[in-house]
N, C-alpha and C. Protein backbone atom coordinates (compact mmCIF):
# COMPACT_ATOMS: atom_id res chain seq x y z
N UNK A 1 4.68 -69.97 -49.22
CA UNK A 1 5.93 -69.25 -49.12
C UNK A 1 6.74 -69.47 -50.40
N UNK A 2 7.32 -68.41 -50.87
CA UNK A 2 8.11 -68.52 -52.09
C UNK A 2 9.45 -69.20 -51.85
N UNK A 3 10.08 -68.91 -50.72
CA UNK A 3 11.36 -69.53 -50.38
C UNK A 3 11.30 -69.97 -48.93
N UNK A 4 12.37 -70.55 -48.49
CA UNK A 4 12.44 -70.97 -47.11
C UNK A 4 13.47 -70.16 -46.33
N UNK A 5 13.75 -68.97 -46.80
CA UNK A 5 14.66 -68.08 -46.08
C UNK A 5 13.95 -67.55 -44.84
N UNK A 6 14.72 -67.20 -43.83
CA UNK A 6 14.15 -66.74 -42.57
C UNK A 6 13.25 -65.53 -42.77
N UNK A 7 13.69 -64.58 -43.57
CA UNK A 7 12.89 -63.37 -43.75
C UNK A 7 11.53 -63.69 -44.35
N UNK A 8 11.46 -64.60 -45.30
CA UNK A 8 10.18 -64.96 -45.90
C UNK A 8 9.28 -65.69 -44.91
N UNK A 9 9.88 -66.55 -44.09
CA UNK A 9 9.11 -67.25 -43.05
C UNK A 9 8.48 -66.23 -42.11
N UNK A 10 9.28 -65.28 -41.65
CA UNK A 10 8.77 -64.26 -40.72
C UNK A 10 7.73 -63.37 -41.39
N UNK A 11 7.96 -62.97 -42.64
CA UNK A 11 7.00 -62.13 -43.36
C UNK A 11 5.67 -62.87 -43.57
N UNK A 12 5.72 -64.17 -43.74
CA UNK A 12 4.50 -64.96 -43.90
C UNK A 12 3.58 -64.73 -42.69
N UNK A 13 4.13 -64.83 -41.49
CA UNK A 13 3.32 -64.67 -40.29
C UNK A 13 2.96 -63.21 -40.04
N UNK A 14 3.81 -62.30 -40.45
CA UNK A 14 3.49 -60.87 -40.35
C UNK A 14 2.28 -60.57 -41.22
N UNK A 15 2.25 -61.13 -42.42
CA UNK A 15 1.13 -60.89 -43.34
C UNK A 15 -0.18 -61.46 -42.80
N UNK A 16 -0.12 -62.56 -42.07
CA UNK A 16 -1.31 -63.12 -41.45
C UNK A 16 -1.80 -62.22 -40.31
N UNK A 17 -0.86 -61.65 -39.58
CA UNK A 17 -1.18 -60.88 -38.37
C UNK A 17 -1.69 -59.47 -38.65
N UNK A 18 -1.01 -58.74 -39.51
CA UNK A 18 -1.23 -57.30 -39.66
C UNK A 18 -2.37 -57.01 -40.62
N UNK A 19 -3.24 -56.08 -40.19
CA UNK A 19 -4.37 -55.65 -41.01
C UNK A 19 -4.26 -54.16 -41.30
N UNK A 20 -4.96 -53.73 -42.33
CA UNK A 20 -4.98 -52.32 -42.68
C UNK A 20 -5.46 -51.50 -41.48
N UNK A 21 -4.77 -50.41 -41.20
CA UNK A 21 -5.12 -49.54 -40.09
C UNK A 21 -4.39 -49.87 -38.80
N UNK A 22 -3.65 -50.97 -38.76
CA UNK A 22 -2.92 -51.37 -37.55
C UNK A 22 -1.74 -50.43 -37.26
N UNK A 23 -1.26 -50.51 -36.04
CA UNK A 23 -0.05 -49.81 -35.61
C UNK A 23 0.98 -50.90 -35.33
N UNK A 24 2.16 -50.76 -35.93
CA UNK A 24 3.21 -51.78 -35.81
C UNK A 24 4.55 -51.13 -35.51
N UNK A 25 5.49 -51.96 -35.09
CA UNK A 25 6.85 -51.51 -34.79
C UNK A 25 7.84 -52.44 -35.45
N UNK A 26 8.85 -51.85 -36.08
CA UNK A 26 10.04 -52.59 -36.49
C UNK A 26 11.11 -52.17 -35.48
N UNK A 27 11.41 -53.05 -34.54
CA UNK A 27 12.31 -52.71 -33.43
C UNK A 27 13.77 -52.64 -33.86
N UNK A 28 14.09 -53.23 -35.01
CA UNK A 28 15.46 -53.24 -35.52
C UNK A 28 15.38 -53.02 -37.03
N UNK A 29 15.31 -51.77 -37.45
CA UNK A 29 15.01 -51.43 -38.84
C UNK A 29 16.02 -52.00 -39.84
N UNK A 30 17.29 -52.01 -39.50
CA UNK A 30 18.29 -52.56 -40.42
C UNK A 30 18.23 -51.90 -41.78
N UNK A 31 18.08 -52.71 -42.82
CA UNK A 31 18.01 -52.18 -44.18
C UNK A 31 16.58 -51.88 -44.62
N UNK A 32 15.63 -51.99 -43.71
CA UNK A 32 14.27 -51.53 -43.98
C UNK A 32 13.31 -52.53 -44.59
N UNK A 33 13.71 -53.78 -44.74
CA UNK A 33 12.82 -54.75 -45.37
C UNK A 33 11.55 -54.98 -44.55
N UNK A 34 11.70 -55.20 -43.24
CA UNK A 34 10.53 -55.42 -42.40
C UNK A 34 9.68 -54.16 -42.31
N UNK A 35 10.32 -53.01 -42.21
CA UNK A 35 9.58 -51.75 -42.17
C UNK A 35 8.73 -51.58 -43.43
N UNK A 36 9.32 -51.90 -44.57
CA UNK A 36 8.59 -51.79 -45.84
C UNK A 36 7.37 -52.72 -45.85
N UNK A 37 7.55 -53.96 -45.46
CA UNK A 37 6.44 -54.92 -45.43
C UNK A 37 5.35 -54.42 -44.49
N UNK A 38 5.74 -53.97 -43.30
CA UNK A 38 4.75 -53.47 -42.34
C UNK A 38 4.00 -52.27 -42.91
N UNK A 39 4.70 -51.34 -43.56
CA UNK A 39 4.05 -50.16 -44.15
C UNK A 39 3.06 -50.56 -45.24
N UNK A 40 3.40 -51.54 -46.03
CA UNK A 40 2.47 -52.01 -47.06
C UNK A 40 1.22 -52.58 -46.42
N UNK A 41 1.39 -53.34 -45.35
CA UNK A 41 0.26 -54.02 -44.72
C UNK A 41 -0.66 -53.09 -43.94
N UNK A 42 -0.10 -52.07 -43.25
CA UNK A 42 -0.96 -51.19 -42.44
C UNK A 42 -1.76 -50.23 -43.29
N UNK A 43 -1.35 -50.02 -44.52
CA UNK A 43 -2.08 -49.14 -45.42
C UNK A 43 -1.97 -47.67 -45.03
N UNK A 44 -2.71 -46.84 -45.71
CA UNK A 44 -2.63 -45.39 -45.50
C UNK A 44 -3.17 -44.98 -44.14
N UNK A 45 -4.02 -45.78 -43.53
CA UNK A 45 -4.61 -45.43 -42.24
C UNK A 45 -3.81 -45.97 -41.05
N UNK A 46 -2.82 -46.81 -41.31
CA UNK A 46 -2.01 -47.39 -40.25
C UNK A 46 -0.74 -46.60 -40.01
N UNK A 47 0.08 -47.10 -39.09
CA UNK A 47 1.32 -46.41 -38.75
C UNK A 47 2.37 -47.45 -38.35
N UNK A 48 3.61 -47.19 -38.74
CA UNK A 48 4.75 -48.02 -38.38
C UNK A 48 5.80 -47.13 -37.73
N UNK A 49 6.31 -47.59 -36.61
CA UNK A 49 7.44 -46.94 -35.95
C UNK A 49 8.64 -47.87 -36.12
N UNK A 50 9.74 -47.34 -36.66
CA UNK A 50 10.93 -48.16 -36.90
C UNK A 50 12.11 -47.57 -36.14
N UNK A 51 12.83 -48.44 -35.44
CA UNK A 51 13.95 -48.05 -34.58
C UNK A 51 15.24 -48.68 -35.05
N UNK A 52 16.32 -47.95 -34.92
CA UNK A 52 17.65 -48.52 -35.09
C UNK A 52 18.66 -47.57 -34.44
N UNK A 53 19.79 -48.14 -34.01
CA UNK A 53 20.83 -47.34 -33.36
C UNK A 53 21.83 -46.78 -34.36
N UNK A 54 21.75 -47.21 -35.61
CA UNK A 54 22.71 -46.77 -36.62
C UNK A 54 22.06 -45.82 -37.62
N UNK A 55 22.69 -44.69 -37.83
CA UNK A 55 22.20 -43.73 -38.82
C UNK A 55 22.13 -44.36 -40.20
N UNK A 56 23.10 -45.22 -40.51
CA UNK A 56 23.12 -45.89 -41.81
C UNK A 56 21.84 -46.71 -42.01
N UNK A 57 21.40 -47.39 -40.97
CA UNK A 57 20.19 -48.21 -41.05
C UNK A 57 18.95 -47.34 -41.24
N UNK A 58 18.88 -46.26 -40.48
CA UNK A 58 17.73 -45.35 -40.61
C UNK A 58 17.68 -44.76 -42.02
N UNK A 59 18.83 -44.37 -42.54
CA UNK A 59 18.86 -43.79 -43.89
C UNK A 59 18.52 -44.83 -44.95
N UNK A 60 19.01 -46.06 -44.81
CA UNK A 60 18.65 -47.14 -45.76
C UNK A 60 17.15 -47.39 -45.75
N UNK A 61 16.59 -47.41 -44.55
CA UNK A 61 15.15 -47.62 -44.41
C UNK A 61 14.38 -46.47 -45.04
N UNK A 62 14.81 -45.24 -44.77
CA UNK A 62 14.16 -44.06 -45.35
C UNK A 62 14.16 -44.14 -46.88
N UNK A 63 15.30 -44.46 -47.47
CA UNK A 63 15.39 -44.52 -48.94
C UNK A 63 14.50 -45.63 -49.50
N UNK A 64 14.43 -46.77 -48.83
CA UNK A 64 13.57 -47.87 -49.27
C UNK A 64 12.10 -47.43 -49.25
N UNK A 65 11.70 -46.73 -48.19
CA UNK A 65 10.31 -46.27 -48.07
C UNK A 65 9.98 -45.21 -49.11
N UNK A 66 10.90 -44.28 -49.34
CA UNK A 66 10.69 -43.24 -50.36
C UNK A 66 10.51 -43.89 -51.73
N UNK A 67 11.38 -44.85 -52.03
CA UNK A 67 11.31 -45.53 -53.33
C UNK A 67 9.95 -46.22 -53.51
N UNK A 68 9.39 -46.74 -52.43
CA UNK A 68 8.10 -47.43 -52.52
C UNK A 68 6.91 -46.53 -52.27
N UNK A 69 7.14 -45.21 -52.04
CA UNK A 69 6.05 -44.29 -51.78
C UNK A 69 5.37 -44.53 -50.44
N UNK A 70 6.12 -45.05 -49.48
CA UNK A 70 5.56 -45.44 -48.18
C UNK A 70 6.04 -44.57 -47.02
N UNK A 71 6.81 -43.55 -47.29
CA UNK A 71 7.46 -42.79 -46.21
C UNK A 71 6.49 -42.12 -45.25
N UNK A 72 5.27 -41.79 -45.69
CA UNK A 72 4.31 -41.13 -44.81
C UNK A 72 3.67 -42.10 -43.81
N UNK A 73 3.86 -43.37 -44.02
CA UNK A 73 3.27 -44.37 -43.13
C UNK A 73 4.19 -44.72 -41.96
N UNK A 74 5.41 -44.20 -41.97
CA UNK A 74 6.39 -44.60 -40.96
C UNK A 74 7.01 -43.40 -40.25
N UNK A 75 7.36 -43.62 -39.00
CA UNK A 75 8.17 -42.70 -38.23
C UNK A 75 9.46 -43.45 -37.92
N UNK A 76 10.59 -42.91 -38.36
CA UNK A 76 11.89 -43.54 -38.15
C UNK A 76 12.56 -42.88 -36.95
N UNK A 77 13.07 -43.72 -36.05
CA UNK A 77 13.64 -43.22 -34.80
C UNK A 77 15.06 -43.76 -34.63
N UNK A 78 16.02 -42.84 -34.50
CA UNK A 78 17.40 -43.21 -34.25
C UNK A 78 17.56 -43.44 -32.75
N UNK A 79 17.32 -44.69 -32.32
CA UNK A 79 17.40 -45.06 -30.91
C UNK A 79 17.43 -46.57 -30.81
N UNK A 80 17.99 -47.06 -29.73
CA UNK A 80 18.01 -48.50 -29.49
C UNK A 80 16.63 -49.02 -29.18
N UNK A 81 16.39 -50.26 -29.55
CA UNK A 81 15.06 -50.85 -29.33
C UNK A 81 14.68 -50.92 -27.85
N UNK A 82 15.67 -50.91 -26.97
CA UNK A 82 15.38 -50.93 -25.53
C UNK A 82 14.79 -49.62 -25.04
N UNK A 83 14.78 -48.60 -25.91
CA UNK A 83 14.22 -47.29 -25.58
C UNK A 83 12.95 -46.97 -26.36
N UNK A 84 12.38 -47.95 -27.02
CA UNK A 84 11.26 -47.65 -27.93
C UNK A 84 10.04 -47.10 -27.20
N UNK A 85 9.77 -47.59 -26.01
CA UNK A 85 8.57 -47.16 -25.30
C UNK A 85 8.57 -45.64 -25.06
N UNK A 86 9.72 -45.09 -24.73
CA UNK A 86 9.80 -43.66 -24.43
C UNK A 86 9.67 -42.80 -25.68
N UNK A 87 9.81 -43.39 -26.85
CA UNK A 87 9.71 -42.63 -28.11
C UNK A 87 8.35 -42.76 -28.77
N UNK A 88 7.45 -43.51 -28.16
CA UNK A 88 6.12 -43.72 -28.74
C UNK A 88 5.09 -42.85 -28.04
N UNK A 89 4.11 -42.34 -28.79
CA UNK A 89 3.01 -41.61 -28.14
C UNK A 89 2.28 -42.52 -27.16
N UNK A 90 1.87 -41.99 -26.05
CA UNK A 90 1.17 -42.78 -25.02
C UNK A 90 -0.07 -43.47 -25.56
N UNK A 91 -0.76 -42.83 -26.51
CA UNK A 91 -2.01 -43.40 -27.01
C UNK A 91 -1.81 -44.71 -27.79
N UNK A 92 -0.58 -45.03 -28.21
CA UNK A 92 -0.36 -46.30 -28.92
C UNK A 92 0.07 -47.42 -27.98
N UNK A 93 0.39 -47.10 -26.73
CA UNK A 93 0.77 -48.14 -25.77
C UNK A 93 -0.41 -49.09 -25.60
N UNK A 94 -0.15 -50.39 -25.73
CA UNK A 94 -1.22 -51.38 -25.63
C UNK A 94 -2.05 -51.52 -26.89
N UNK A 95 -1.64 -50.88 -27.99
CA UNK A 95 -2.40 -50.89 -29.24
C UNK A 95 -1.60 -51.48 -30.42
N UNK A 96 -0.43 -52.02 -30.15
CA UNK A 96 0.45 -52.48 -31.22
C UNK A 96 0.05 -53.89 -31.67
N UNK A 97 -0.10 -54.07 -32.96
CA UNK A 97 -0.50 -55.35 -33.54
C UNK A 97 0.68 -56.30 -33.71
N UNK A 98 1.82 -55.76 -34.16
CA UNK A 98 2.97 -56.62 -34.48
C UNK A 98 4.26 -55.84 -34.25
N UNK A 99 5.22 -56.51 -33.64
CA UNK A 99 6.56 -55.94 -33.46
C UNK A 99 7.56 -56.94 -34.02
N UNK A 100 8.37 -56.50 -34.97
CA UNK A 100 9.38 -57.37 -35.56
C UNK A 100 10.74 -57.05 -34.94
N UNK A 101 11.52 -58.10 -34.75
CA UNK A 101 12.88 -58.00 -34.22
C UNK A 101 13.81 -58.85 -35.07
N UNK A 102 14.99 -58.32 -35.39
CA UNK A 102 16.08 -59.09 -35.98
C UNK A 102 17.27 -58.90 -35.06
N UNK A 103 17.66 -59.94 -34.36
CA UNK A 103 18.76 -59.83 -33.42
C UNK A 103 20.08 -60.16 -34.10
N UNK A 104 21.10 -59.38 -33.80
CA UNK A 104 22.41 -59.56 -34.41
C UNK A 104 22.93 -58.23 -34.89
N UNK A 105 23.57 -58.23 -36.06
CA UNK A 105 24.14 -57.01 -36.61
C UNK A 105 23.51 -56.68 -37.96
N UNK A 106 23.69 -55.45 -38.39
CA UNK A 106 23.15 -54.97 -39.66
C UNK A 106 23.86 -55.65 -40.83
N UNK A 107 23.15 -56.41 -41.67
CA UNK A 107 23.79 -57.02 -42.83
C UNK A 107 24.44 -55.95 -43.71
N UNK A 108 25.70 -56.14 -43.98
CA UNK A 108 26.45 -55.18 -44.78
C UNK A 108 26.97 -54.01 -43.96
N UNK A 109 26.71 -54.02 -42.67
CA UNK A 109 27.13 -52.93 -41.79
C UNK A 109 28.31 -53.32 -40.92
N UNK A 110 28.56 -52.52 -39.93
CA UNK A 110 29.63 -52.71 -38.97
C UNK A 110 29.27 -53.86 -38.03
N UNK A 111 30.00 -54.96 -38.11
CA UNK A 111 29.68 -56.13 -37.30
C UNK A 111 30.00 -55.94 -35.82
N UNK A 112 30.72 -54.89 -35.50
CA UNK A 112 31.00 -54.62 -34.08
C UNK A 112 29.82 -53.95 -33.39
N UNK A 113 28.87 -53.46 -34.19
CA UNK A 113 27.65 -52.87 -33.63
C UNK A 113 26.55 -53.90 -33.80
N UNK A 114 26.13 -54.48 -32.70
CA UNK A 114 25.13 -55.54 -32.74
C UNK A 114 24.24 -55.45 -31.51
N UNK A 115 23.10 -56.12 -31.60
CA UNK A 115 22.22 -56.19 -30.44
C UNK A 115 22.90 -57.03 -29.37
N UNK A 116 22.49 -56.84 -28.13
CA UNK A 116 23.06 -57.58 -27.01
C UNK A 116 21.95 -58.11 -26.12
N UNK A 117 22.28 -59.12 -25.32
CA UNK A 117 21.26 -59.81 -24.54
C UNK A 117 20.51 -58.87 -23.59
N UNK A 118 21.20 -57.98 -22.90
CA UNK A 118 20.52 -57.12 -21.93
C UNK A 118 19.54 -56.15 -22.60
N UNK A 119 20.01 -55.49 -23.65
CA UNK A 119 19.14 -54.53 -24.33
C UNK A 119 18.03 -55.23 -25.10
N UNK A 120 18.31 -56.40 -25.64
CA UNK A 120 17.28 -57.14 -26.39
C UNK A 120 16.17 -57.63 -25.48
N UNK A 121 16.52 -58.16 -24.32
CA UNK A 121 15.48 -58.61 -23.39
C UNK A 121 14.69 -57.42 -22.86
N UNK A 122 15.36 -56.30 -22.59
CA UNK A 122 14.63 -55.09 -22.17
C UNK A 122 13.65 -54.68 -23.26
N UNK A 123 14.06 -54.75 -24.53
CA UNK A 123 13.17 -54.39 -25.64
C UNK A 123 12.01 -55.37 -25.76
N UNK A 124 12.28 -56.64 -25.59
CA UNK A 124 11.22 -57.65 -25.66
C UNK A 124 10.19 -57.43 -24.55
N UNK A 125 10.65 -57.12 -23.35
CA UNK A 125 9.73 -56.86 -22.24
C UNK A 125 8.87 -55.64 -22.53
N UNK A 126 9.48 -54.58 -23.08
CA UNK A 126 8.69 -53.41 -23.48
C UNK A 126 7.69 -53.79 -24.57
N UNK A 127 8.14 -54.62 -25.49
CA UNK A 127 7.26 -55.06 -26.57
C UNK A 127 6.01 -55.74 -26.06
N UNK A 128 6.16 -56.60 -25.06
CA UNK A 128 4.99 -57.27 -24.49
C UNK A 128 4.01 -56.26 -23.91
N UNK A 129 4.54 -55.22 -23.24
CA UNK A 129 3.68 -54.18 -22.67
C UNK A 129 2.96 -53.36 -23.74
N UNK A 130 3.58 -53.23 -24.90
CA UNK A 130 3.01 -52.41 -25.97
C UNK A 130 1.96 -53.13 -26.81
N UNK A 131 2.00 -54.47 -26.80
CA UNK A 131 1.09 -55.24 -27.64
C UNK A 131 -0.36 -55.13 -27.20
N UNK A 132 -1.25 -55.13 -28.18
CA UNK A 132 -2.67 -55.27 -27.88
C UNK A 132 -2.96 -56.75 -27.68
N UNK A 133 -4.14 -57.08 -27.20
CA UNK A 133 -4.55 -58.47 -27.06
C UNK A 133 -4.53 -59.11 -28.44
N UNK A 134 -3.96 -60.28 -28.53
CA UNK A 134 -3.75 -61.02 -29.78
C UNK A 134 -2.63 -60.41 -30.64
N UNK A 135 -1.89 -59.44 -30.08
CA UNK A 135 -0.74 -58.88 -30.77
C UNK A 135 0.41 -59.89 -30.79
N UNK A 136 1.39 -59.64 -31.66
CA UNK A 136 2.45 -60.62 -31.88
C UNK A 136 3.84 -59.99 -31.94
N UNK A 137 4.79 -60.65 -31.29
CA UNK A 137 6.21 -60.37 -31.50
C UNK A 137 6.70 -61.37 -32.53
N UNK A 138 7.44 -60.92 -33.52
CA UNK A 138 7.98 -61.76 -34.58
C UNK A 138 9.49 -61.64 -34.52
N UNK A 139 10.17 -62.71 -34.09
CA UNK A 139 11.59 -62.65 -33.81
C UNK A 139 12.42 -63.45 -34.82
N UNK A 140 13.50 -62.85 -35.28
CA UNK A 140 14.52 -63.54 -36.06
C UNK A 140 15.78 -63.54 -35.19
N UNK A 141 16.13 -64.71 -34.66
CA UNK A 141 17.24 -64.82 -33.72
C UNK A 141 18.46 -65.36 -34.46
N UNK A 142 19.41 -64.48 -34.72
CA UNK A 142 20.66 -64.87 -35.36
C UNK A 142 21.70 -65.11 -34.27
N UNK A 143 22.63 -66.03 -34.53
CA UNK A 143 23.70 -66.26 -33.57
C UNK A 143 25.03 -66.24 -34.31
N UNK A 144 26.08 -66.30 -33.55
CA UNK A 144 27.41 -66.23 -34.14
C UNK A 144 28.10 -64.95 -33.68
N UNK A 145 29.29 -64.73 -34.19
CA UNK A 145 30.05 -63.54 -33.80
C UNK A 145 30.47 -63.61 -32.35
N UNK A 146 30.83 -62.47 -31.79
CA UNK A 146 31.35 -62.43 -30.43
C UNK A 146 30.29 -62.62 -29.38
N UNK A 147 29.07 -62.13 -29.62
CA UNK A 147 28.05 -62.17 -28.57
C UNK A 147 26.76 -62.86 -28.99
N UNK A 148 26.67 -63.30 -30.23
CA UNK A 148 25.42 -63.86 -30.74
C UNK A 148 24.92 -65.09 -30.01
N UNK A 149 25.84 -65.99 -29.60
CA UNK A 149 25.41 -67.19 -28.90
C UNK A 149 24.90 -66.86 -27.50
N UNK A 150 25.53 -65.91 -26.86
CA UNK A 150 25.09 -65.47 -25.53
C UNK A 150 23.71 -64.83 -25.65
N UNK A 151 23.54 -63.98 -26.66
CA UNK A 151 22.24 -63.33 -26.85
C UNK A 151 21.16 -64.37 -27.16
N UNK A 152 21.46 -65.30 -28.05
CA UNK A 152 20.47 -66.34 -28.38
C UNK A 152 20.06 -67.13 -27.14
N UNK A 153 21.04 -67.56 -26.35
CA UNK A 153 20.75 -68.33 -25.14
C UNK A 153 19.89 -67.51 -24.17
N UNK A 154 20.20 -66.22 -24.02
CA UNK A 154 19.43 -65.36 -23.13
C UNK A 154 18.00 -65.18 -23.61
N UNK A 155 17.82 -64.96 -24.89
CA UNK A 155 16.48 -64.78 -25.46
C UNK A 155 15.67 -66.07 -25.33
N UNK A 156 16.29 -67.21 -25.63
CA UNK A 156 15.57 -68.48 -25.53
C UNK A 156 15.15 -68.76 -24.09
N UNK A 157 16.02 -68.46 -23.15
CA UNK A 157 15.67 -68.63 -21.73
C UNK A 157 14.51 -67.72 -21.34
N UNK A 158 14.56 -66.48 -21.79
CA UNK A 158 13.49 -65.52 -21.51
C UNK A 158 12.17 -66.01 -22.10
N UNK A 159 12.20 -66.48 -23.35
CA UNK A 159 10.98 -66.98 -24.00
C UNK A 159 10.38 -68.15 -23.24
N UNK A 160 11.23 -69.06 -22.80
CA UNK A 160 10.76 -70.25 -22.07
C UNK A 160 10.09 -69.88 -20.76
N UNK A 161 10.49 -68.76 -20.16
CA UNK A 161 9.95 -68.34 -18.88
C UNK A 161 8.67 -67.52 -18.96
N UNK A 162 8.18 -67.22 -20.17
CA UNK A 162 6.96 -66.42 -20.28
C UNK A 162 5.75 -67.18 -19.75
N UNK A 163 4.86 -66.48 -19.10
CA UNK A 163 3.65 -67.04 -18.49
C UNK A 163 2.76 -67.67 -19.57
N UNK A 164 2.51 -68.96 -19.44
CA UNK A 164 1.72 -69.69 -20.44
C UNK A 164 0.25 -69.26 -20.46
N UNK A 165 -0.20 -68.60 -19.43
CA UNK A 165 -1.59 -68.11 -19.41
C UNK A 165 -1.73 -66.77 -20.13
N UNK A 166 -0.61 -66.10 -20.35
CA UNK A 166 -0.64 -64.78 -20.99
C UNK A 166 -0.07 -64.78 -22.41
N UNK A 167 0.83 -65.75 -22.71
CA UNK A 167 1.54 -65.73 -23.99
C UNK A 167 1.68 -67.12 -24.57
N UNK A 168 1.60 -67.20 -25.88
CA UNK A 168 1.90 -68.41 -26.63
C UNK A 168 3.23 -68.17 -27.33
N UNK A 169 4.19 -69.04 -27.12
CA UNK A 169 5.51 -68.92 -27.75
C UNK A 169 5.69 -70.09 -28.71
N UNK A 170 6.01 -69.78 -29.95
CA UNK A 170 6.27 -70.80 -30.96
C UNK A 170 7.70 -70.58 -31.46
N UNK A 171 8.54 -71.59 -31.30
CA UNK A 171 9.94 -71.52 -31.71
C UNK A 171 10.17 -72.60 -32.75
N UNK A 172 10.81 -72.25 -33.85
CA UNK A 172 11.12 -73.23 -34.88
C UNK A 172 12.61 -73.17 -35.18
N UNK A 173 13.08 -74.18 -35.92
CA UNK A 173 14.49 -74.25 -36.27
C UNK A 173 14.65 -74.73 -37.70
N UNK A 174 15.71 -74.30 -38.32
CA UNK A 174 16.16 -74.89 -39.57
C UNK A 174 17.07 -76.05 -39.15
N UNK A 175 16.45 -77.15 -38.81
CA UNK A 175 17.10 -78.22 -38.06
C UNK A 175 18.25 -78.91 -38.79
N UNK A 176 18.16 -79.03 -40.11
CA UNK A 176 19.20 -79.73 -40.84
C UNK A 176 20.18 -78.80 -41.56
N UNK A 177 20.17 -77.55 -41.21
CA UNK A 177 21.13 -76.61 -41.83
C UNK A 177 22.35 -76.45 -40.94
N UNK A 178 23.54 -76.38 -41.55
CA UNK A 178 24.77 -76.27 -40.76
C UNK A 178 25.04 -74.84 -40.28
N UNK A 179 26.06 -74.71 -39.48
CA UNK A 179 26.62 -73.40 -39.08
C UNK A 179 25.66 -72.52 -38.30
N UNK A 180 24.94 -73.08 -37.36
CA UNK A 180 24.11 -72.30 -36.45
C UNK A 180 23.12 -71.40 -37.19
N UNK A 181 22.18 -71.98 -37.92
CA UNK A 181 21.22 -71.16 -38.67
C UNK A 181 20.36 -70.33 -37.73
N UNK A 182 19.77 -69.26 -38.25
CA UNK A 182 18.90 -68.41 -37.42
C UNK A 182 17.66 -69.18 -36.97
N UNK A 183 17.06 -68.68 -35.90
CA UNK A 183 15.86 -69.30 -35.34
C UNK A 183 14.71 -68.31 -35.36
N UNK A 184 13.62 -68.64 -36.03
CA UNK A 184 12.44 -67.79 -35.97
C UNK A 184 11.56 -68.14 -34.76
N UNK A 185 10.94 -67.13 -34.18
CA UNK A 185 10.04 -67.36 -33.05
C UNK A 185 8.89 -66.36 -33.11
N UNK A 186 7.75 -66.78 -32.61
CA UNK A 186 6.57 -65.92 -32.49
C UNK A 186 6.13 -65.92 -31.04
N UNK A 187 5.70 -64.76 -30.56
CA UNK A 187 5.10 -64.65 -29.25
C UNK A 187 3.76 -63.95 -29.44
N UNK A 188 2.67 -64.61 -29.05
CA UNK A 188 1.34 -64.04 -29.19
C UNK A 188 0.80 -63.73 -27.81
N UNK A 189 0.32 -62.52 -27.63
CA UNK A 189 -0.32 -62.14 -26.36
C UNK A 189 -1.74 -62.68 -26.37
N UNK A 190 -2.06 -63.51 -25.39
CA UNK A 190 -3.38 -64.14 -25.33
C UNK A 190 -4.42 -63.21 -24.74
């Protein structure tokens, strides 16, 4: 890893997981960094579906992909991640290799628009249904703000309750960093 920033940590595991030709989802497109990485990894034969509730995020992601010549590898959807299943073709259900999530608000965006515990858990449950065997959820759990601690607590509780015979959950922390640092987590479908 080049740095120890959360995004690099998560991208490290995404790069291990995703192969050329895979189908992936960026459940929270934001500024498009994860979408871009996924598009690079799936190659010309793969596909990435990226979701966000903010037009600004979809447009930022679109511009990033155009700049990198990757726009044909992605379908951008203006919708909340809790609705992703209804926006995907039926033939990709159960075929997803990797789904990335960044919980919180859009960096540089409106902080009053953020993910919430109910919609995030609904999205995570859909994500589990969409994964293929050995597929992975890659989570960046940010806290803070008005609802971030509630969302983090809800997600951590949900993760702890996953069936150990069906899923492997790996949670890590930036243990010595102040001010409630983000928490990366992986969920692998066994």
